[in-house]
Amino acid sequence: MEAVKLEIRRPQIVNGIGLEPDPDWSFKSLLSELDSLEKKLNLSSSVSLPFAKTKSREIYGEKGTKRSSNAFVMRVSDEEFEDSEGENEEVRDRGLVKAARFNCNEFYFSSDDDSDDQPCLDVQTYLMNEVGLVESALYELTHEHQLGVKEEIRNTISALETDLRNESEKSSSAHTKVEKYREARREVERKFDVQYQRRVAEGLDNHLTAVQRDHELKSQIEERKIRSDAAHEEAKRREKALQEERLLQEKAKAEAELQAKLKAEEANRAALEAERIAAKEAAEKEAAKASKANTSEVPQTEASGGPNATSSRVENDKTNKSELAGNMLRAAESALKLERERLQKLKELEEINQSLRSSSNQNFDSTGRLIGRLIRQISGNKDKVSTQASELVKIFNNPRCPQTISIAYFAQKVVSNCESPSHSAFACAHVIVLVTSQFPQAMDLVLAEIHRACIYTVPKHISYTKSAFESKEAYWKVIGYKEDDGKIESTTDYLVRLDSYMKLYGALVQWQTEVAGCQNVHGLKEGWAWLARFLNALPANMYTAVALYAFLQMAGFALFGKYRSQFMKMLNFISENFLNALRSQDDPDLRPITSKIQCYLEDKLFLQEPEGRTLQSSLLSNNMAPESDYHGPYHQQSRHFY
């Protein structure tokens, strides 16, 4: 459609209204002017015009808000409205009013109002009425402006669409690249993960293999070690048993020799006595004859020395031998008698057991091992002590093993266990009291084994004399030193064992009313007798000092509780006589044990209950064995005898 172009050259005035708008008018002023113009036209025409306004113009903003009440409205046909519907939507988006285009192909303008051309009149009904020049010019200007705006909008939209399309393509390309890169990274990471997992699996497998190999190697080493230790312990045990047996035999032999010497001395004494009696009788006969023949017989009597000389010689011989035996063996006669009785019972029991073993094909060593294991498991726990005692009583009552053999094993194992580092003297003594309360005959056998192991539990002491012993080694064996591979043990080791045996003996005698429902057949009465015999008969030296201190440590508390002032007299005697005798020897090795005994007396340690005496009721108290108190200089290899 060709737009109608109007060229206004000069301002025109129609009905008093200027057709050319003022260049300085605003859009609102222009609308206001157009409204006034329409009102005048409507008033001057009696026929309704096609473009007559039904309501004032309204202008809406971009968001549909009403900007002004002076917007203008143009009526158009439905076909034109439908054609321009798409364009109207774009215009509405920008807040503008869409105007219809004029189609001038089917009609023409004519200045002749009286034309008779019927076709034109027929078509006239479809055309809008003729409007004024101002409105036409305004419409054309508006239309051109709208076209320009549309074109600009189209160009802008096209540019934006192009930019959007380019940006979208760039974004898609970048996204694709990112996805490809991400996928590549995933693939690389997956490969790395697979390689890492493979390496981890290989490393773990190698580690587990190495650990398993180490465990197997350790297990083999432990098994070999256990077998080796077991074999070593068995060999050591056998060797120790052989040594103990050999030592006991040598000790018994030495004691037998000593007894033989004593018997020989008694025999010599009896022979001398018989000789003295015979000499006396002969002297009497000679005296009777002398009364008849004084001159002839006197020289003969004087030559023989006379009866008084013979009797004097016999008495001197007897006195010298008695003093020699008394100085070598220091002990109370009652203590020696009890020792002989207990050793005789043990000897008779061993003979009975030997006959039982020879007459029976059964091996009773398993019973001995079982008893030894039960004794080694004794600890300072009350429940453990009761359990072990009950198990031992069951073994004694077991008909499969003779009771005499079980009791002999029990006595041996109890005494040999004293040398164990984990030995608990009070707990072990408690078990002995519980067992011997039901089997009283076992107490003498236990005491006999203790006397065999330590002569100071009798108490007795054998002094060294060159005339009685071939060498010092023979003397050491007699008093209880052990021999290992032909080598005598050191004084340190001997004193440690002496201390252990004396602590067991002291713990044994101090149990009395504390053991509920049990009678201790070797209680405080025997402990008091031991202390009295010890102080009356034994000399003060290294061995007796260690024995006395160990005994006081274990039994002093109970002895003071029963005897009070009498026990204090005993302690005063120890302080004034025994300790002074030790100090007078001026031996550096005696100073530590002398200081210990002095501290015991001065600090009144007998008022304090010794550690481990009260059995614990909890299983946590397993370490109740008293430690050895003798680690001083006198434990060095010093051999001084008194």
Foldseek 3Di string as FASTA:
>chain_A
DDADDDDDDDWDADPNDTLDDDPPDDPVVVLVSVVVVLVVVPVVDPDDFQFRDPAAAWFAALVGHTDDRHRGDGDDDPVQCVVCVVVQVVQSNHRHGDDGDDDPPLHDDDPDPPDPDVVNVVCVVRDGDDDDPSVSVVVSVVVVVSVVVVVVVVVVVVVVVVVVVVVVVVVVVVVVVVVVVVVVVVVVVVVVVVVVVVVVVVVVVVVVVVVVVVVVVVVVVVVVVVVVVVVVVVVVVVQVVVLVVVLLVLLVVLVVVVVVVVVVLVVVLVVLVVVLVVLVVVLVVLVVVCVVPVPPSVVVCVVVVHSVVSVVVSVVVNVVVVVVSQVFKWFDPVLVVLLVVLLVVLVVLVVVVVVVPVVDPDDCVVLLVVLLVLQLQFFLAPVSLVVSLVVLLVSCVDPVDDNSVSLLSNLQSLLVCLLPQLDALLSSLLSVQSNCLVVVVSVSNNVNSLCSQACCLSPMHGFDDVVSDVDVVSVCSNRHFTADPNRTDFPLSSLQSLLSSLLNSLSNQLDAVVNPPTHRPRHVVVVVVSLVRLLVTPAADDSSLSSVLSNCLNNLLSNCVVPPPVVVVSLVCCVPPNLVRLVVVVDVLSVVSSVSSVCCSVVVCSNPHHFSNNRHNDPVRGRRHDGDPDPDPNSPRDDDTD
